[in-house]
Amino acid sequence: WKSLSDLYNAFPFVQKVNPDLESYVTKKTVDGLFKLIAEEERKIRENPIARISELLKKVFGAKKN
């Protein structure tokens, strides 16, 4: 992949690509996670019922004796 991307990047007037696949995949994964978190946060803010999910009860629930 690196040799192919380096060859592509040598052409003038093309949008350069990053030859580091690990970095690219990591960045896209983190972007996807933040998108999912944003969607869940939007649901929680718009719908009060969504605030009482099992996960939120575990995270923000009352302390057990």
PDB file of N, CA and C in Angstrom:
ATOM      1  N   TRP A   1       0.821  -1.187   0.000  1.00  0.00           N
ATOM      2  CA  TRP A   1       0.000   0.000   0.000  1.00  0.00           C
ATOM      3  C   TRP A   1       0.866   1.251   0.000  1.00  0.00           C
ATOM      4  N   LYS A   2       1.916   1.259   0.786  1.00  0.00           N
ATOM      5  CA  LYS A   2       2.755   2.448   0.881  1.00  0.00           C
ATOM      6  C   LYS A   2       3.388   2.785  -0.467  1.00  0.00           C
ATOM      7  N   SER A   3       3.904   1.791  -1.160  1.00  0.00           N
ATOM      8  CA  SER A   3       4.537   2.081  -2.448  1.00  0.00           C
ATOM      9  C   SER A   3       3.513   2.597  -3.460  1.00  0.00           C
ATOM     10  N   LEU A   4       2.307   2.059  -3.441  1.00  0.00           N
ATOM     11  CA  LEU A   4       1.259   2.524  -4.341  1.00  0.00           C
ATOM     12  C   LEU A   4       0.823   3.951  -4.004  1.00  0.00           C
ATOM     13  N   SER A   5       0.648   4.231  -2.713  1.00  0.00           N
ATOM     14  CA  SER A   5       0.235   5.583  -2.326  1.00  0.00           C
ATOM     15  C   SER A   5       1.344   6.600  -2.592  1.00  0.00           C
ATOM     16  N   ASP A   6       2.596   6.204  -2.402  1.00  0.00           N
ATOM     17  CA  ASP A   6       3.704   7.117  -2.716  1.00  0.00           C
ATOM     18  C   ASP A   6       3.734   7.435  -4.211  1.00  0.00           C
ATOM     19  N   LEU A   7       3.483   6.445  -5.038  1.00  0.00           N
ATOM     20  CA  LEU A   7       3.440   6.662  -6.483  1.00  0.00           C
ATOM     21  C   LEU A   7       2.288   7.604  -6.844  1.00  0.00           C
ATOM     22  N   TYR A   8       1.125   7.368  -6.268  1.00  0.00           N
ATOM     23  CA  TYR A   8      -0.043   8.230  -6.504  1.00  0.00           C
ATOM     24  C   TYR A   8       0.248   9.660  -6.057  1.00  0.00           C
ATOM     25  N   ASN A   9       0.818   9.818  -4.863  1.00  0.00           N
ATOM     26  CA  ASN A   9       1.112  11.148  -4.325  1.00  0.00           C
ATOM     27  C   ASN A   9       2.126  11.905  -5.170  1.00  0.00           C
ATOM     28  N   ALA A  10       2.898  11.216  -5.992  1.00  0.00           N
ATOM     29  CA  ALA A  10       3.895  11.873  -6.838  1.00  0.00           C
ATOM     30  C   ALA A  10       3.252  12.608  -8.016  1.00  0.00           C
ATOM     31  N   PHE A  11       2.019  12.243  -8.361  1.00  0.00           N
ATOM     32  CA  PHE A  11       1.338  12.916  -9.470  1.00  0.00           C
ATOM     33  C   PHE A  11       0.948  14.337  -9.056  1.00  0.00           C
ATOM     34  N   PRO A  12       1.127  15.297  -9.947  1.00  0.00           N
ATOM     35  CA  PRO A  12       0.724  16.666  -9.622  1.00  0.00           C
ATOM     36  C   PRO A  12      -0.809  16.805  -9.671  1.00  0.00           C
ATOM     37  N   PHE A  13      -1.316  17.741  -8.916  1.00  0.00           N
ATOM     38  CA  PHE A  13      -2.736  18.117  -8.903  1.00  0.00           C
ATOM     39  C   PHE A  13      -3.673  17.037  -8.371  1.00  0.00           C
ATOM     40  N   VAL A  14      -3.157  16.082  -7.610  1.00  0.00           N
ATOM     41  CA  VAL A  14      -4.028  15.078  -6.987  1.00  0.00           C
ATOM     42  C   VAL A  14      -4.092  15.365  -5.492  1.00  0.00           C
ATOM     43  N   GLN A  15      -5.193  14.973  -4.898  1.00  0.00           N
ATOM     44  CA  GLN A  15      -5.307  15.102  -3.451  1.00  0.00           C
ATOM     45  C   GLN A  15      -4.452  14.009  -2.822  1.00  0.00           C
ATOM     46  N   LYS A  16      -3.498  14.409  -2.013  1.00  0.00           N
ATOM     47  CA  LYS A  16      -2.546  13.451  -1.422  1.00  0.00           C
ATOM     48  C   LYS A  16      -3.255  12.524  -0.443  1.00  0.00           C
ATOM     49  N   VAL A  17      -2.810  11.281  -0.418  1.00  0.00           N
ATOM     50  CA  VAL A  17      -3.343  10.304   0.521  1.00  0.00           C
ATOM     51  C   VAL A  17      -2.273   9.958   1.549  1.00  0.00           C
ATOM     52  N   ASN A  18      -2.722   9.597   2.737  1.00  0.00           N
ATOM     53  CA  ASN A  18      -1.823   9.216   3.813  1.00  0.00           C
ATOM     54  C   ASN A  18      -1.499   7.728   3.669  1.00  0.00           C
ATOM     55  N   PRO A  19      -0.234   7.365   3.531  1.00  0.00           N
ATOM     56  CA  PRO A  19       0.100   5.953   3.347  1.00  0.00           C
ATOM     57  C   PRO A  19       0.045   5.129   4.631  1.00  0.00           C
ATOM     58  N   ASP A  20      -0.179   5.768   5.781  1.00  0.00           N
ATOM     59  CA  ASP A  20      -0.210   5.057   7.058  1.00  0.00           C
ATOM     60  C   ASP A  20      -1.618   4.513   7.316  1.00  0.00           C
ATOM     61  N   LEU A  21      -1.851   3.249   6.955  1.00  0.00           N
ATOM     62  CA  LEU A  21      -3.182   2.654   7.094  1.00  0.00           C
ATOM     63  C   LEU A  21      -3.615   2.529   8.551  1.00  0.00           C
ATOM     64  N   GLU A  22      -2.691   2.206   9.436  1.00  0.00           N
ATOM     65  CA  GLU A  22      -3.045   2.065  10.856  1.00  0.00           C
ATOM     66  C   GLU A  22      -3.583   3.376  11.407  1.00  0.00           C
ATOM     67  N   SER A  23      -2.933   4.459  11.066  1.00  0.00           N
ATOM     68  CA  SER A  23      -3.383   5.776  11.516  1.00  0.00           C
ATOM     69  C   SER A  23      -4.759   6.107  10.940  1.00  0.00           C
ATOM     70  N   TYR A  24      -4.945   5.817   9.656  1.00  0.00           N
ATOM     71  CA  TYR A  24      -6.211   6.086   8.992  1.00  0.00           C
ATOM     72  C   TYR A  24      -7.353   5.294   9.638  1.00  0.00           C
ATOM     73  N   VAL A  25      -7.130   4.004   9.846  1.00  0.00           N
ATOM     74  CA  VAL A  25      -8.169   3.154  10.425  1.00  0.00           C
ATOM     75  C   VAL A  25      -8.486   3.604  11.850  1.00  0.00           C
ATOM     76  N   THR A  26      -7.465   3.927  12.621  1.00  0.00           N
ATOM     77  CA  THR A  26      -7.677   4.395  13.988  1.00  0.00           C
ATOM     78  C   THR A  26      -8.496   5.683  14.000  1.00  0.00           C
ATOM     79  N   LYS A  27      -8.155   6.622  13.143  1.00  0.00           N
ATOM     80  CA  LYS A  27      -8.879   7.896  13.079  1.00  0.00           C
ATOM     81  C   LYS A  27     -10.333   7.675  12.690  1.00  0.00           C
ATOM     82  N   LYS A  28     -10.573   6.850  11.684  1.00  0.00           N
ATOM     83  CA  LYS A  28     -11.945   6.592  11.250  1.00  0.00           C
ATOM     84  C   LYS A  28     -12.747   5.865  12.334  1.00  0.00           C
ATOM     85  N   THR A  29     -12.109   4.978  13.075  1.00  0.00           N
ATOM     86  CA  THR A  29     -12.782   4.269  14.159  1.00  0.00           C
ATOM     87  C   THR A  29     -13.190   5.236  15.258  1.00  0.00           C
ATOM     88  N   VAL A  30     -12.281   6.103  15.649  1.00  0.00           N
ATOM     89  CA  VAL A  30     -12.582   7.097  16.686  1.00  0.00           C
ATOM     90  C   VAL A  30     -13.679   8.039  16.198  1.00  0.00           C
ATOM     91  N   ASP A  31     -13.615   8.466  14.945  1.00  0.00           N
ATOM     92  CA  ASP A  31     -14.674   9.324  14.385  1.00  0.00           C
ATOM     93  C   ASP A  31     -16.029   8.626  14.470  1.00  0.00           C
ATOM     94  N   GLY A  32     -16.065   7.339  14.142  1.00  0.00           N
ATOM     95  CA  GLY A  32     -17.308   6.578  14.202  1.00  0.00           C
ATOM     96  C   GLY A  32     -17.836   6.452  15.615  1.00  0.00           C
ATOM     97  N   LEU A  33     -16.950   6.228  16.567  1.00  0.00           N
ATOM     98  CA  LEU A  33     -17.379   6.133  17.967  1.00  0.00           C
ATOM     99  C   LEU A  33     -17.970   7.441  18.456  1.00  0.00           C
ATOM    100  N   PHE A  34     -17.321   8.549  18.109  1.00  0.00           N
ATOM    101  CA  PHE A  34     -17.848   9.847  18.528  1.00  0.00           C
ATOM    102  C   PHE A  34     -19.194  10.136  17.865  1.00  0.00           C
ATOM    103  N   LYS A  35     -19.386   9.670  16.640  1.00  0.00           N
ATOM    104  CA  LYS A  35     -20.674   9.848  15.977  1.00  0.00           C
ATOM    105  C   LYS A  35     -21.763   9.075  16.720  1.00  0.00           C
ATOM    106  N   LEU A  36     -21.458   7.827  17.106  1.00  0.00           N
ATOM    107  CA  LEU A  36     -22.425   7.033  17.856  1.00  0.00           C
ATOM    108  C   LEU A  36     -22.736   7.655  19.214  1.00  0.00           C
ATOM    109  N   ILE A  37     -21.721   8.165  19.877  1.00  0.00           N
ATOM    110  CA  ILE A  37     -21.930   8.814  21.174  1.00  0.00           C
ATOM    111  C   ILE A  37     -22.806  10.048  21.000  1.00  0.00           C
ATOM    112  N   ALA A  38     -22.555  10.832  19.957  1.00  0.00           N
ATOM    113  CA  ALA A  38     -23.357  12.037  19.702  1.00  0.00           C
ATOM    114  C   ALA A  38     -24.809  11.678  19.431  1.00  0.00           C
ATOM    115  N   GLU A  39     -25.050  10.606  18.692  1.00  0.00           N
ATOM    116  CA  GLU A  39     -26.419  10.179  18.414  1.00  0.00           C
ATOM    117  C   GLU A  39     -27.138   9.775  19.697  1.00  0.00           C
ATOM    118  N   GLU A  40     -26.460   9.027  20.552  1.00  0.00           N
ATOM    119  CA  GLU A  40     -27.070   8.619  21.823  1.00  0.00           C
ATOM    120  C   GLU A  40     -27.333   9.822  22.717  1.00  0.00           C
ATOM    121  N   GLU A  41     -26.400  10.758  22.748  1.00  0.00           N
ATOM    122  CA  GLU A  41     -26.598  11.963  23.559  1.00  0.00           C
ATOM    123  C   GLU A  41     -27.798  12.757  23.054  1.00  0.00           C
ATOM    124  N   ARG A  42     -27.942  12.850  21.729  1.00  0.00           N
ATOM    125  CA  ARG A  42     -29.086  13.559  21.158  1.00  0.00           C
ATOM    126  C   ARG A  42     -30.390  12.882  21.582  1.00  0.00           C
ATOM    127  N   LYS A  43     -30.433  11.560  21.541  1.00  0.00           N
ATOM    128  CA  LYS A  43     -31.628  10.821  21.949  1.00  0.00           C
ATOM    129  C   LYS A  43     -31.964  11.099  23.414  1.00  0.00           C
ATOM    130  N   ILE A  44     -30.938  11.101  24.244  1.00  0.00           N
ATOM    131  CA  ILE A  44     -31.150  11.333  25.676  1.00  0.00           C
ATOM    132  C   ILE A  44     -31.683  12.730  25.918  1.00  0.00           C
ATOM    133  N   ARG A  45     -31.147  13.710  25.213  1.00  0.00           N
ATOM    134  CA  ARG A  45     -31.591  15.096  25.403  1.00  0.00           C
ATOM    135  C   ARG A  45     -33.008  15.324  24.875  1.00  0.00           C
ATOM    136  N   GLU A  46     -33.362  14.660  23.772  1.00  0.00           N
ATOM    137  CA  GLU A  46     -34.669  14.870  23.157  1.00  0.00           C
ATOM    138  C   GLU A  46     -35.774  14.048  23.802  1.00  0.00           C
ATOM    139  N   ASN A  47     -35.436  12.910  24.366  1.00  0.00           N
ATOM    140  CA  ASN A  47     -36.436  11.982  24.868  1.00  0.00           C
ATOM    141  C   ASN A  47     -36.150  11.639  26.325  1.00  0.00           C
ATOM    142  N   PRO A  48     -36.944  12.170  27.239  1.00  0.00           N
ATOM    143  CA  PRO A  48     -36.704  11.878  28.666  1.00  0.00           C
ATOM    144  C   PRO A  48     -36.754  10.388  28.994  1.00  0.00           C
ATOM    145  N   ILE A  49     -37.523   9.624  28.251  1.00  0.00           N
ATOM    146  CA  ILE A  49     -37.608   8.181  28.505  1.00  0.00           C
ATOM    147  C   ILE A  49     -36.258   7.511  28.245  1.00  0.00           C
ATOM    148  N   ALA A  50     -35.504   8.024  27.289  1.00  0.00           N
ATOM    149  CA  ALA A  50     -34.195   7.447  26.970  1.00  0.00           C
ATOM    150  C   ALA A  50     -33.212   7.621  28.122  1.00  0.00           C
ATOM    151  N   ARG A  51     -33.528   8.503  29.046  1.00  0.00           N
ATOM    152  CA  ARG A  51     -32.630   8.756  30.177  1.00  0.00           C
ATOM    153  C   ARG A  51     -32.671   7.644  31.215  1.00  0.00           C
ATOM    154  N   ILE A  52     -33.608   6.744  31.080  1.00  0.00           N
ATOM    155  CA  ILE A  52     -33.729   5.699  32.093  1.00  0.00           C
ATOM    156  C   ILE A  52     -33.388   4.324  31.528  1.00  0.00           C
ATOM    157  N   SER A  53     -32.481   4.291  30.578  1.00  0.00           N
ATOM    158  CA  SER A  53     -32.056   3.001  30.027  1.00  0.00           C
ATOM    159  C   SER A  53     -31.252   2.238  31.072  1.00  0.00           C
ATOM    160  N   GLU A  54     -31.092   0.955  30.862  1.00  0.00           N
ATOM    161  CA  GLU A  54     -30.330   0.124  31.791  1.00  0.00           C
ATOM    162  C   GLU A  54     -28.883   0.614  31.926  1.00  0.00           C
ATOM    163  N   LEU A  55     -28.298   1.032  30.813  1.00  0.00           N
ATOM    164  CA  LEU A  55     -26.921   1.519  30.860  1.00  0.00           C
ATOM    165  C   LEU A  55     -26.816   2.783  31.710  1.00  0.00           C
ATOM    166  N   LEU A  56     -27.735   3.707  31.502  1.00  0.00           N
ATOM    167  CA  LEU A  56     -27.687   4.941  32.297  1.00  0.00           C
ATOM    168  C   LEU A  56     -27.967   4.668  33.769  1.00  0.00           C
ATOM    169  N   LYS A  57     -28.815   3.686  34.045  1.00  0.00           N
ATOM    170  CA  LYS A  57     -29.043   3.318  35.434  1.00  0.00           C
ATOM    171  C   LYS A  57     -27.759   2.811  36.064  1.00  0.00           C
ATOM    172  N   LYS A  58     -26.987   2.030  35.297  1.00  0.00           N
ATOM    173  CA  LYS A  58     -25.716   1.521  35.819  1.00  0.00           C
ATOM    174  C   LYS A  58     -24.712   2.647  36.020  1.00  0.00           C
ATOM    175  N   VAL A  59     -24.676   3.579  35.084  1.00  0.00           N
ATOM    176  CA  VAL A  59     -23.684   4.646  35.149  1.00  0.00           C
ATOM    177  C   VAL A  59     -24.053   5.690  36.185  1.00  0.00           C
ATOM    178  N   PHE A  60     -25.326   6.107  36.203  1.00  0.00           N
ATOM    179  CA  PHE A  60     -25.733   7.209  37.060  1.00  0.00           C
ATOM    180  C   PHE A  60     -26.692   6.785  38.166  1.00  0.00           C
ATOM    181  N   GLY A  61     -26.915   5.487  38.289  1.00  0.00           N
ATOM    182  CA  GLY A  61     -27.900   4.992  39.252  1.00  0.00           C
ATOM    183  C   GLY A  61     -27.476   5.179  40.690  1.00  0.00           C
ATOM    184  N   ALA A  62     -28.437   4.909  41.543  1.00  0.00           N
ATOM    185  CA  ALA A  62     -28.199   5.035  42.977  1.00  0.00           C
ATOM    186  C   ALA A  62     -27.208   3.965  43.435  1.00  0.00           C
ATOM    187  N   LYS A  63     -26.520   4.277  44.508  1.00  0.00           N
ATOM    188  CA  LYS A  63     -25.556   3.340  45.079  1.00  0.00           C
ATOM    189  C   LYS A  63     -26.296   2.174  45.704  1.00  0.00           C
ATOM    190  N   LYS A  64     -25.724   0.992  45.543  1.00  0.00           N
ATOM    191  CA  LYS A  64     -26.320  -0.203  46.146  1.00  0.00           C
ATOM    192  C   LYS A  64     -25.779  -0.364  47.554  1.00  0.00           C
ATOM    193  N   ASN A  65     -26.623  -0.830  48.436  1.00  0.00           N
ATOM    194  CA  ASN A  65     -26.208  -1.030  49.840  1.00  0.00           C
ATOM    195  C   ASN A  65     -25.572  -2.358  50.012  1.00  0.00           C
TER     196      ASN A  65
END
